[in-house]
């Protein structure tokens, strides 16, 4: 009886580990494709920590956001318990900032992508990487501090993009001229 329970637990654990490995492989491939869309070499997605630095770089944030993004991992490795929780919360905030800027550079609504990235960042990364619907535009100016001190805050109300196709809209239109989707 005990051997059967042990075998079931071991078999279930192996299946879960294999599923996590497959998910991680798809995440890295999605990150690779996202880097290529942004004009970076895709192989940079494979290297831990460096892939986070490149993600901070293509999102247009200041370089030191990378240090905040990896601070939770560093505190966990060093075994600093109390600071670990604070650093993990700060990492979530940086994740929000990264995807806020990435969504702007991909002509999407930044708040939605940023909020979703807090909960499912690997899935959002795969969506942005794999989907041909999302294109990266490096000419779009974003704040080096994400939503804080947004450089285009005075023009943010004037610049709108279609949620259906990503085309820049004129200020007074009710429907997208490209795909016909209603503008909110």
N, C-alpha and C. Protein backbone atom coordinates (compact mmCIF):
# COMPACT_ATOMS: atom_id res chain seq x y z
N UNK A 1 0.82 -1.19 0.00
CA UNK A 1 0.00 0.00 0.00
C UNK A 1 0.87 1.26 0.00
N UNK A 2 1.88 1.28 0.88
CA UNK A 2 2.75 2.46 0.96
C UNK A 2 3.56 2.62 -0.32
N UNK A 3 3.94 1.51 -0.94
CA UNK A 3 4.70 1.58 -2.19
C UNK A 3 3.85 2.18 -3.31
N UNK A 4 2.57 1.86 -3.33
CA UNK A 4 1.68 2.42 -4.35
C UNK A 4 1.52 3.92 -4.19
N UNK A 5 1.36 4.38 -2.95
CA UNK A 5 1.22 5.82 -2.70
C UNK A 5 2.50 6.54 -3.09
N UNK A 6 3.65 5.96 -2.74
CA UNK A 6 4.93 6.55 -3.10
C UNK A 6 5.09 6.63 -4.61
N UNK A 7 4.69 5.57 -5.33
CA UNK A 7 4.80 5.55 -6.78
C UNK A 7 3.89 6.60 -7.43
N UNK A 8 2.68 6.78 -6.88
CA UNK A 8 1.77 7.78 -7.41
C UNK A 8 2.32 9.18 -7.19
N UNK A 9 2.84 9.44 -6.00
CA UNK A 9 3.41 10.76 -5.70
C UNK A 9 4.63 11.03 -6.58
N UNK A 10 5.50 10.04 -6.72
CA UNK A 10 6.69 10.20 -7.56
C UNK A 10 6.30 10.41 -9.02
N UNK A 11 5.34 9.62 -9.52
CA UNK A 11 4.90 9.77 -10.90
C UNK A 11 4.26 11.13 -11.14
N UNK A 12 3.43 11.58 -10.20
CA UNK A 12 2.82 12.90 -10.32
C UNK A 12 3.84 14.02 -10.29
N UNK A 13 4.85 13.86 -9.45
CA UNK A 13 5.90 14.88 -9.36
C UNK A 13 6.69 14.96 -10.66
N UNK A 14 6.98 13.82 -11.24
CA UNK A 14 7.72 13.81 -12.50
C UNK A 14 6.90 14.47 -13.61
N UNK A 15 5.62 14.18 -13.65
CA UNK A 15 4.75 14.80 -14.67
C UNK A 15 4.70 16.31 -14.49
N UNK A 16 4.56 16.78 -13.25
CA UNK A 16 4.52 18.22 -12.99
C UNK A 16 5.84 18.87 -13.39
N UNK A 17 6.97 18.23 -13.06
CA UNK A 17 8.27 18.78 -13.44
C UNK A 17 8.45 18.84 -14.95
N UNK A 18 7.99 17.81 -15.64
CA UNK A 18 8.08 17.83 -17.11
C UNK A 18 7.21 18.93 -17.71
N UNK A 19 6.01 19.13 -17.17
CA UNK A 19 5.14 20.21 -17.66
C UNK A 19 5.78 21.58 -17.40
N UNK A 20 6.39 21.76 -16.23
CA UNK A 20 7.07 23.02 -15.93
C UNK A 20 8.25 23.24 -16.86
N UNK A 21 8.98 22.18 -17.18
CA UNK A 21 10.11 22.29 -18.10
C UNK A 21 9.63 22.69 -19.50
N UNK A 22 8.55 22.08 -19.96
CA UNK A 22 8.00 22.43 -21.27
C UNK A 22 7.54 23.89 -21.28
N UNK A 23 6.86 24.33 -20.21
CA UNK A 23 6.41 25.72 -20.10
C UNK A 23 7.61 26.67 -20.14
N UNK A 24 8.68 26.33 -19.41
CA UNK A 24 9.86 27.18 -19.38
C UNK A 24 10.52 27.27 -20.76
N UNK A 25 10.55 26.16 -21.48
CA UNK A 25 11.13 26.18 -22.83
C UNK A 25 10.32 27.11 -23.73
N UNK A 26 8.98 27.02 -23.67
CA UNK A 26 8.14 27.93 -24.46
C UNK A 26 8.34 29.39 -24.03
N UNK A 27 8.52 29.63 -22.73
CA UNK A 27 8.77 30.98 -22.24
C UNK A 27 10.07 31.53 -22.83
N UNK A 28 11.13 30.74 -22.80
CA UNK A 28 12.41 31.20 -23.33
C UNK A 28 12.32 31.45 -24.84
N UNK A 29 11.60 30.60 -25.56
CA UNK A 29 11.41 30.81 -27.00
C UNK A 29 10.62 32.10 -27.25
N UNK A 30 9.58 32.34 -26.45
CA UNK A 30 8.80 33.58 -26.57
C UNK A 30 9.65 34.80 -26.27
N UNK A 31 10.49 34.70 -25.24
CA UNK A 31 11.40 35.80 -24.89
C UNK A 31 12.41 36.02 -26.02
N UNK A 32 12.90 34.93 -26.60
CA UNK A 32 13.82 35.00 -27.75
C UNK A 32 13.17 35.78 -28.88
N UNK A 33 11.94 35.44 -29.22
CA UNK A 33 11.23 36.11 -30.31
C UNK A 33 10.95 37.58 -29.97
N UNK A 34 10.64 37.87 -28.70
CA UNK A 34 10.43 39.25 -28.27
C UNK A 34 11.71 40.06 -28.43
N UNK A 35 12.84 39.48 -28.06
CA UNK A 35 14.12 40.17 -28.22
C UNK A 35 14.41 40.43 -29.70
N UNK A 36 14.11 39.46 -30.55
CA UNK A 36 14.34 39.67 -31.99
C UNK A 36 13.44 40.76 -32.54
N UNK A 37 12.20 40.84 -32.07
CA UNK A 37 11.31 41.92 -32.50
C UNK A 37 11.88 43.28 -32.11
N UNK A 38 12.57 43.33 -30.98
CA UNK A 38 13.13 44.59 -30.49
C UNK A 38 14.52 44.87 -31.07
N UNK A 39 14.99 44.01 -31.95
CA UNK A 39 16.29 44.25 -32.59
C UNK A 39 17.48 43.73 -31.81
N UNK A 40 17.24 42.88 -30.84
CA UNK A 40 18.33 42.28 -30.04
C UNK A 40 18.54 40.85 -30.50
N UNK A 41 19.69 40.30 -30.16
CA UNK A 41 19.96 38.91 -30.50
C UNK A 41 19.11 38.01 -29.60
N UNK A 42 18.48 37.02 -30.20
CA UNK A 42 17.58 36.14 -29.48
C UNK A 42 18.27 35.27 -28.44
N UNK A 43 19.54 34.91 -28.66
CA UNK A 43 20.24 34.04 -27.73
C UNK A 43 20.36 34.65 -26.35
N UNK A 44 20.20 35.96 -26.24
CA UNK A 44 20.30 36.62 -24.94
C UNK A 44 19.17 36.19 -24.00
N UNK A 45 18.12 35.60 -24.53
CA UNK A 45 17.01 35.13 -23.72
C UNK A 45 17.38 33.90 -22.90
N UNK A 46 18.41 33.20 -23.30
CA UNK A 46 18.79 31.95 -22.63
C UNK A 46 19.54 32.21 -21.33
N UNK A 47 20.25 33.31 -21.24
CA UNK A 47 21.15 33.55 -20.11
C UNK A 47 20.39 34.21 -18.95
N UNK A 48 20.30 33.51 -17.80
CA UNK A 48 19.60 34.09 -16.65
C UNK A 48 20.27 35.41 -16.21
N UNK A 49 19.51 36.28 -15.67
CA UNK A 49 19.89 37.63 -15.23
C UNK A 49 20.17 38.54 -16.42
N UNK A 50 20.97 38.07 -17.39
CA UNK A 50 21.24 38.91 -18.55
C UNK A 50 19.96 39.14 -19.35
N UNK A 51 19.10 38.12 -19.42
CA UNK A 51 17.83 38.30 -20.14
C UNK A 51 16.97 39.36 -19.45
N UNK A 52 17.05 39.45 -18.14
CA UNK A 52 16.33 40.50 -17.42
C UNK A 52 16.91 41.87 -17.75
N UNK A 53 18.23 41.95 -17.83
CA UNK A 53 18.88 43.22 -18.18
C UNK A 53 18.44 43.67 -19.58
N UNK A 54 18.40 42.73 -20.53
CA UNK A 54 18.00 43.07 -21.89
C UNK A 54 16.53 43.49 -21.91
N UNK A 55 15.69 42.83 -21.11
CA UNK A 55 14.28 43.21 -21.04
C UNK A 55 14.13 44.63 -20.50
N UNK A 56 14.90 44.99 -19.49
CA UNK A 56 14.89 46.35 -18.96
C UNK A 56 15.37 47.32 -20.04
N UNK A 57 16.38 46.92 -20.77
CA UNK A 57 16.95 47.77 -21.82
C UNK A 57 15.95 48.02 -22.95
N UNK A 58 15.29 46.97 -23.46
CA UNK A 58 14.38 47.18 -24.58
C UNK A 58 13.10 47.90 -24.15
N UNK A 59 12.79 47.85 -22.85
CA UNK A 59 11.62 48.57 -22.39
C UNK A 59 11.91 50.06 -22.20
N UNK A 60 13.18 50.44 -22.25
CA UNK A 60 13.55 51.85 -22.15
C UNK A 60 13.68 52.36 -20.72
N UNK A 61 13.74 51.45 -19.75
CA UNK A 61 13.91 51.87 -18.35
C UNK A 61 15.37 52.16 -18.05
N UNK A 62 15.61 52.89 -16.97
CA UNK A 62 16.97 53.12 -16.50
C UNK A 62 17.62 51.78 -16.15
N UNK A 63 18.95 51.68 -16.31
CA UNK A 63 19.65 50.43 -16.11
C UNK A 63 19.52 49.90 -14.68
N UNK A 64 19.38 50.78 -13.71
CA UNK A 64 19.35 50.33 -12.32
C UNK A 64 18.06 49.61 -11.95
N UNK A 65 17.05 49.69 -12.80
CA UNK A 65 15.84 48.88 -12.56
C UNK A 65 16.17 47.39 -12.64
N UNK A 66 17.22 47.06 -13.39
CA UNK A 66 17.68 45.67 -13.45
C UNK A 66 18.09 45.19 -12.07
N UNK A 67 18.79 46.02 -11.32
CA UNK A 67 19.23 45.64 -9.97
C UNK A 67 18.04 45.39 -9.06
N UNK A 68 17.02 46.22 -9.19
CA UNK A 68 15.81 46.02 -8.38
C UNK A 68 15.10 44.74 -8.82
N UNK A 69 15.09 44.49 -10.11
CA UNK A 69 14.39 43.32 -10.64
C UNK A 69 15.00 42.01 -10.13
N UNK A 70 16.31 41.97 -9.95
CA UNK A 70 16.95 40.74 -9.49
C UNK A 70 17.19 40.73 -7.98
N UNK A 71 16.83 41.79 -7.29
CA UNK A 71 17.11 41.88 -5.85
C UNK A 71 16.42 40.78 -5.05
N UNK A 72 15.21 40.39 -5.42
CA UNK A 72 14.51 39.33 -4.71
C UNK A 72 15.24 38.01 -4.80
N UNK A 73 15.76 37.70 -5.97
CA UNK A 73 16.52 36.47 -6.16
C UNK A 73 17.81 36.50 -5.35
N UNK A 74 18.49 37.63 -5.37
CA UNK A 74 19.74 37.75 -4.63
C UNK A 74 19.50 37.61 -3.13
N UNK A 75 18.44 38.24 -2.62
CA UNK A 75 18.12 38.11 -1.19
C UNK A 75 17.75 36.67 -0.83
N UNK A 76 17.09 35.96 -1.72
CA UNK A 76 16.76 34.56 -1.47
C UNK A 76 18.01 33.70 -1.42
N UNK A 77 18.93 33.95 -2.34
CA UNK A 77 20.18 33.18 -2.37
C UNK A 77 20.99 33.44 -1.11
N UNK A 78 21.02 34.70 -0.68
CA UNK A 78 21.79 35.06 0.52
C UNK A 78 21.07 34.69 1.81
N UNK A 79 19.80 34.37 1.72
CA UNK A 79 19.04 33.96 2.90
C UNK A 79 18.62 35.11 3.79
N UNK A 80 18.41 36.29 3.21
CA UNK A 80 17.98 37.45 3.97
C UNK A 80 16.46 37.46 3.96
N UNK A 81 15.86 36.92 5.03
CA UNK A 81 14.43 36.67 5.03
C UNK A 81 13.57 37.93 5.01
N UNK A 82 13.75 38.85 5.93
CA UNK A 82 12.89 40.02 6.02
C UNK A 82 12.98 40.89 4.78
N UNK A 83 14.17 41.09 4.29
CA UNK A 83 14.39 41.93 3.11
C UNK A 83 13.90 41.23 1.84
N UNK A 84 13.87 39.92 1.89
CA UNK A 84 13.44 39.13 0.73
C UNK A 84 12.04 39.52 0.27
N UNK A 85 11.11 39.69 1.20
CA UNK A 85 9.73 40.03 0.84
C UNK A 85 9.63 41.43 0.22
N UNK A 86 10.36 42.36 0.78
CA UNK A 86 10.36 43.73 0.24
C UNK A 86 10.96 43.75 -1.16
N UNK A 87 12.05 43.01 -1.34
CA UNK A 87 12.69 42.96 -2.66
C UNK A 87 11.80 42.29 -3.69
N UNK A 88 11.05 41.28 -3.30
CA UNK A 88 10.14 40.63 -4.24
C UNK A 88 9.01 41.57 -4.64
N UNK A 89 8.51 42.37 -3.71
CA UNK A 89 7.49 43.37 -4.06
C UNK A 89 8.06 44.42 -5.00
N UNK A 90 9.30 44.84 -4.75
CA UNK A 90 9.95 45.81 -5.63
C UNK A 90 10.16 45.20 -7.03
N UNK A 91 10.46 43.91 -7.09
CA UNK A 91 10.62 43.24 -8.38
C UNK A 91 9.30 43.22 -9.16
N UNK A 92 8.19 43.02 -8.44
CA UNK A 92 6.88 43.07 -9.10
C UNK A 92 6.60 44.46 -9.67
N UNK A 93 7.00 45.50 -8.92
CA UNK A 93 6.82 46.86 -9.41
C UNK A 93 7.65 47.10 -10.67
N UNK A 94 8.88 46.61 -10.68
CA UNK A 94 9.72 46.76 -11.87
C UNK A 94 9.12 46.00 -13.05
N UNK A 95 8.57 44.82 -12.78
CA UNK A 95 7.90 44.06 -13.82
C UNK A 95 6.74 44.86 -14.41
N UNK A 96 5.99 45.53 -13.55
CA UNK A 96 4.91 46.41 -14.00
C UNK A 96 5.47 47.49 -14.91
N UNK A 97 6.56 48.13 -14.51
CA UNK A 97 7.17 49.20 -15.30
C UNK A 97 7.67 48.68 -16.65
N UNK A 98 8.30 47.50 -16.65
CA UNK A 98 8.83 46.92 -17.90
C UNK A 98 7.70 46.72 -18.90
N UNK A 99 6.63 46.07 -18.46
CA UNK A 99 5.55 45.76 -19.39
C UNK A 99 4.71 46.99 -19.72
N UNK A 100 4.70 47.98 -18.85
CA UNK A 100 4.04 49.25 -19.17
C UNK A 100 4.74 49.88 -20.38
N UNK A 101 6.06 49.97 -20.31
CA UNK A 101 6.81 50.57 -21.42
C UNK A 101 6.79 49.70 -22.67
N UNK A 102 6.87 48.38 -22.50
CA UNK A 102 6.83 47.50 -23.67
C UNK A 102 5.49 47.62 -24.40
N UNK A 103 4.41 47.69 -23.64
CA UNK A 103 3.10 47.84 -24.27
C UNK A 103 3.02 49.15 -25.05
N UNK A 104 3.59 50.22 -24.50
CA UNK A 104 3.60 51.49 -25.24
C UNK A 104 4.40 51.36 -26.52
N UNK A 105 5.55 50.68 -26.45
CA UNK A 105 6.39 50.52 -27.63
C UNK A 105 5.76 49.57 -28.65
N UNK A 106 4.79 48.78 -28.22
CA UNK A 106 4.08 47.89 -29.13
C UNK A 106 2.70 48.43 -29.48
N UNK A 107 2.48 49.70 -29.17
CA UNK A 107 1.25 50.42 -29.51
C UNK A 107 0.00 49.74 -28.93
N UNK A 108 0.11 49.34 -27.69
CA UNK A 108 -1.01 48.71 -26.98
C UNK A 108 -1.32 49.54 -25.74
N UNK A 109 -2.44 49.23 -25.09
CA UNK A 109 -2.80 49.93 -23.86
C UNK A 109 -1.87 49.46 -22.74
N UNK A 110 -1.04 50.34 -22.20
CA UNK A 110 -0.01 49.92 -21.26
C UNK A 110 -0.51 49.42 -19.91
N UNK A 111 -1.58 49.99 -19.39
CA UNK A 111 -2.05 49.60 -18.05
C UNK A 111 -2.49 48.14 -18.04
N UNK A 112 -3.23 47.71 -19.03
CA UNK A 112 -3.70 46.33 -19.08
C UNK A 112 -2.57 45.32 -19.13
N UNK A 113 -1.58 45.55 -19.98
CA UNK A 113 -0.45 44.64 -20.07
C UNK A 113 0.36 44.66 -18.79
N UNK A 114 0.53 45.84 -18.20
CA UNK A 114 1.33 45.95 -16.98
C UNK A 114 0.66 45.22 -15.82
N UNK A 115 -0.64 45.38 -15.66
CA UNK A 115 -1.35 44.69 -14.57
C UNK A 115 -1.32 43.19 -14.79
N UNK A 116 -1.54 42.75 -16.02
CA UNK A 116 -1.50 41.32 -16.31
C UNK A 116 -0.12 40.73 -16.06
N UNK A 117 0.92 41.52 -16.31
CA UNK A 117 2.29 41.02 -16.12
C UNK A 117 2.61 40.75 -14.66
N UNK A 118 1.92 41.42 -13.74
CA UNK A 118 2.15 41.16 -12.32
C UNK A 118 1.77 39.72 -11.99
N UNK A 119 0.71 39.23 -12.63
CA UNK A 119 0.20 37.90 -12.31
C UNK A 119 0.74 36.81 -13.22
N UNK A 120 0.90 37.11 -14.50
CA UNK A 120 1.29 36.09 -15.47
C UNK A 120 2.33 36.62 -16.46
N UNK A 121 3.43 37.14 -15.97
CA UNK A 121 4.46 37.72 -16.84
C UNK A 121 4.98 36.75 -17.90
N UNK A 122 5.25 35.49 -17.57
CA UNK A 122 5.73 34.59 -18.64
C UNK A 122 4.72 34.42 -19.77
N UNK A 123 3.44 34.38 -19.44
CA UNK A 123 2.42 34.23 -20.48
C UNK A 123 2.33 35.49 -21.33
N UNK A 124 2.39 36.66 -20.69
CA UNK A 124 2.38 37.92 -21.45
C UNK A 124 3.61 38.00 -22.36
N UNK A 125 4.76 37.55 -21.86
CA UNK A 125 5.98 37.53 -22.66
C UNK A 125 5.81 36.64 -23.88
N UNK A 126 5.21 35.46 -23.68
CA UNK A 126 5.00 34.56 -24.81
C UNK A 126 4.01 35.15 -25.81
N UNK A 127 2.96 35.80 -25.32
CA UNK A 127 1.99 36.42 -26.22
C UNK A 127 2.66 37.51 -27.06
N UNK A 128 3.44 38.37 -26.43
CA UNK A 128 4.12 39.44 -27.16
C UNK A 128 5.16 38.89 -28.12
N UNK A 129 5.83 37.80 -27.72
CA UNK A 129 6.87 37.23 -28.57
C UNK A 129 6.32 36.44 -29.75
N UNK A 130 5.33 35.58 -29.50
CA UNK A 130 4.84 34.69 -30.55
C UNK A 130 3.87 35.36 -31.51
N UNK A 131 3.08 36.30 -31.05
CA UNK A 131 2.03 36.88 -31.88
C UNK A 131 2.59 37.84 -32.92
N UNK A 132 2.16 37.66 -34.14
CA UNK A 132 2.57 38.59 -35.20
C UNK A 132 1.76 39.88 -35.14
N UNK A 133 0.73 39.90 -34.30
CA UNK A 133 -0.11 41.09 -34.14
C UNK A 133 0.66 42.23 -33.46
N UNK A 134 1.62 41.87 -32.61
CA UNK A 134 2.36 42.87 -31.85
C UNK A 134 3.71 43.13 -32.48
N UNK A 135 3.94 44.38 -32.86
CA UNK A 135 5.23 44.79 -33.43
C UNK A 135 5.86 45.82 -32.52
N UNK A 136 7.16 45.78 -32.44
CA UNK A 136 7.92 46.66 -31.57
C UNK A 136 8.34 47.90 -32.36
N UNK A 137 8.08 49.09 -31.80
CA UNK A 137 8.43 50.35 -32.46
C UNK A 137 9.39 51.11 -31.54
N UNK A 138 10.65 51.10 -31.90
CA UNK A 138 11.68 51.74 -31.07
C UNK A 138 11.62 53.26 -31.13
N UNK A 139 10.86 53.81 -32.08
CA UNK A 139 10.79 55.27 -32.20
C UNK A 139 9.85 55.89 -31.16
N UNK A 140 9.02 55.07 -30.52
CA UNK A 140 8.10 55.59 -29.51
C UNK A 140 8.90 55.93 -28.25
N UNK A 141 8.76 57.15 -27.80
CA UNK A 141 9.49 57.62 -26.63
C UNK A 141 8.72 57.23 -25.37
N UNK A 142 9.42 56.59 -24.43
CA UNK A 142 8.82 56.19 -23.17
C UNK A 142 9.64 56.77 -22.03
N UNK A 143 9.05 56.82 -20.87
CA UNK A 143 9.76 57.34 -19.71
C UNK A 143 10.77 56.32 -19.21
N UNK A 144 11.97 56.75 -18.84
CA UNK A 144 12.95 55.82 -18.26
C UNK A 144 12.53 55.35 -16.87
N UNK A 145 11.42 55.86 -16.37
CA UNK A 145 10.89 55.45 -15.07
C UNK A 145 9.49 54.86 -15.20
N UNK A 146 9.18 54.32 -16.36
CA UNK A 146 7.87 53.69 -16.58
C UNK A 146 6.75 54.70 -16.47
N UNK A 147 5.68 54.34 -15.75
CA UNK A 147 4.54 55.25 -15.66
C UNK A 147 4.80 56.46 -14.77
N UNK A 148 5.89 56.43 -14.02
CA UNK A 148 6.24 57.56 -13.16
C UNK A 148 6.99 58.58 -14.00
N UNK A 149 6.48 59.79 -14.08
CA UNK A 149 7.15 60.83 -14.87
C UNK A 149 7.11 60.54 -16.35
N UNK A 150 5.98 60.05 -16.83
CA UNK A 150 5.82 59.71 -18.23
C UNK A 150 6.16 60.92 -19.10
N UNK A 151 7.11 60.75 -20.04
CA UNK A 151 7.60 61.87 -20.84
C UNK A 151 6.53 62.41 -21.79
N UNK A 152 5.57 61.59 -22.13
CA UNK A 152 4.53 62.03 -23.06
C UNK A 152 3.22 62.31 -22.34
N UNK A 153 3.28 62.65 -21.07
CA UNK A 153 2.04 62.79 -20.32
C UNK A 153 1.16 63.91 -20.88
N UNK A 154 1.77 64.97 -21.43
CA UNK A 154 0.94 66.03 -21.99
C UNK A 154 0.35 65.62 -23.34
N UNK A 155 0.98 64.67 -24.04
CA UNK A 155 0.47 64.21 -25.31
C UNK A 155 -0.24 62.87 -25.21
N UNK A 156 -0.28 62.29 -24.01
CA UNK A 156 -0.85 60.95 -23.86
C UNK A 156 -2.32 60.92 -24.23
N UNK A 157 -3.06 62.00 -23.92
CA UNK A 157 -4.47 62.01 -24.25
C UNK A 157 -4.69 62.18 -25.76
N UNK A 158 -3.75 62.78 -26.44
CA UNK A 158 -3.90 63.03 -27.87
C UNK A 158 -3.53 61.80 -28.70
N UNK A 159 -2.53 61.03 -28.25
CA UNK A 159 -2.09 59.87 -29.00
C UNK A 159 -2.90 58.64 -28.59
N UNK A 160 -3.60 58.07 -29.56
CA UNK A 160 -4.38 56.87 -29.30
C UNK A 160 -4.06 55.86 -30.38
N UNK A 161 -4.13 54.59 -29.99
CA UNK A 161 -3.88 53.50 -30.91
C UNK A 161 -5.07 52.55 -30.88
N UNK A 162 -5.35 51.95 -32.00
CA UNK A 162 -6.45 51.00 -32.11
C UNK A 162 -6.11 49.74 -31.32
N UNK A 163 -7.05 49.28 -30.51
CA UNK A 163 -6.85 48.04 -29.76
C UNK A 163 -6.97 46.82 -30.66
N UNK A 164 -7.57 46.98 -31.82
CA UNK A 164 -7.73 45.86 -32.72
C UNK A 164 -6.52 45.59 -33.59
N UNK A 165 -5.95 46.66 -34.17
CA UNK A 165 -4.84 46.46 -35.11
C UNK A 165 -3.58 47.24 -34.76
N UNK A 166 -3.64 48.14 -33.79
CA UNK A 166 -2.45 48.86 -33.35
C UNK A 166 -2.11 50.09 -34.15
N UNK A 167 -2.94 50.48 -35.10
CA UNK A 167 -2.68 51.65 -35.94
C UNK A 167 -2.93 52.91 -35.12
N UNK A 168 -2.07 53.92 -35.33
CA UNK A 168 -2.24 55.20 -34.64
C UNK A 168 -3.51 55.87 -35.15
N UNK A 169 -4.33 56.35 -34.21
CA UNK A 169 -5.61 56.95 -34.56
C UNK A 169 -5.55 58.46 -34.52
N UNK A 170 -6.40 59.08 -35.31
CA UNK A 170 -6.56 60.53 -35.23
C UNK A 170 -7.37 60.83 -33.97
N UNK A 171 -7.26 62.03 -33.46
CA UNK A 171 -7.87 62.36 -32.16
C UNK A 171 -9.39 62.37 -32.16
N UNK A 172 -10.01 62.60 -33.29
CA UNK A 172 -11.46 62.79 -33.30
C UNK A 172 -12.25 61.63 -33.90
N UNK A 173 -11.62 60.48 -34.14
CA UNK A 173 -12.32 59.37 -34.79
C UNK A 173 -13.10 58.53 -33.78
N UNK A 174 -14.20 57.97 -34.23
CA UNK A 174 -15.02 57.08 -33.40
C UNK A 174 -14.73 55.62 -33.71
N UNK A 175 -14.25 55.36 -34.97
CA UNK A 175 -13.93 54.01 -35.41
C UNK A 175 -12.56 54.02 -36.08
N UNK A 176 -11.84 52.92 -35.96
CA UNK A 176 -10.53 52.79 -36.60
C UNK A 176 -10.71 52.78 -38.11
N UNK A 177 -9.94 53.60 -38.82
CA UNK A 177 -10.03 53.67 -40.26
C UNK A 177 -9.44 52.44 -40.91
N UNK A 178 -8.58 51.70 -40.19
CA UNK A 178 -7.92 50.53 -40.74
C UNK A 178 -8.77 49.26 -40.62
N UNK A 179 -9.27 48.99 -39.39
CA UNK A 179 -10.00 47.74 -39.17
C UNK A 179 -11.48 47.94 -38.80
N UNK A 180 -11.89 49.16 -38.50
CA UNK A 180 -13.28 49.44 -38.21
C UNK A 180 -13.70 49.24 -36.76
N UNK A 181 -12.75 48.89 -35.87
CA UNK A 181 -13.08 48.68 -34.47
C UNK A 181 -13.47 50.01 -33.82
N UNK A 182 -14.48 49.96 -32.93
CA UNK A 182 -14.95 51.16 -32.24
C UNK A 182 -13.88 51.63 -31.27
N UNK A 183 -13.61 52.93 -31.26
CA UNK A 183 -12.62 53.53 -30.37
C UNK A 183 -13.31 53.91 -29.07
N UNK A 184 -12.73 53.47 -27.95
CA UNK A 184 -13.30 53.78 -26.64
C UNK A 184 -12.92 55.16 -26.18
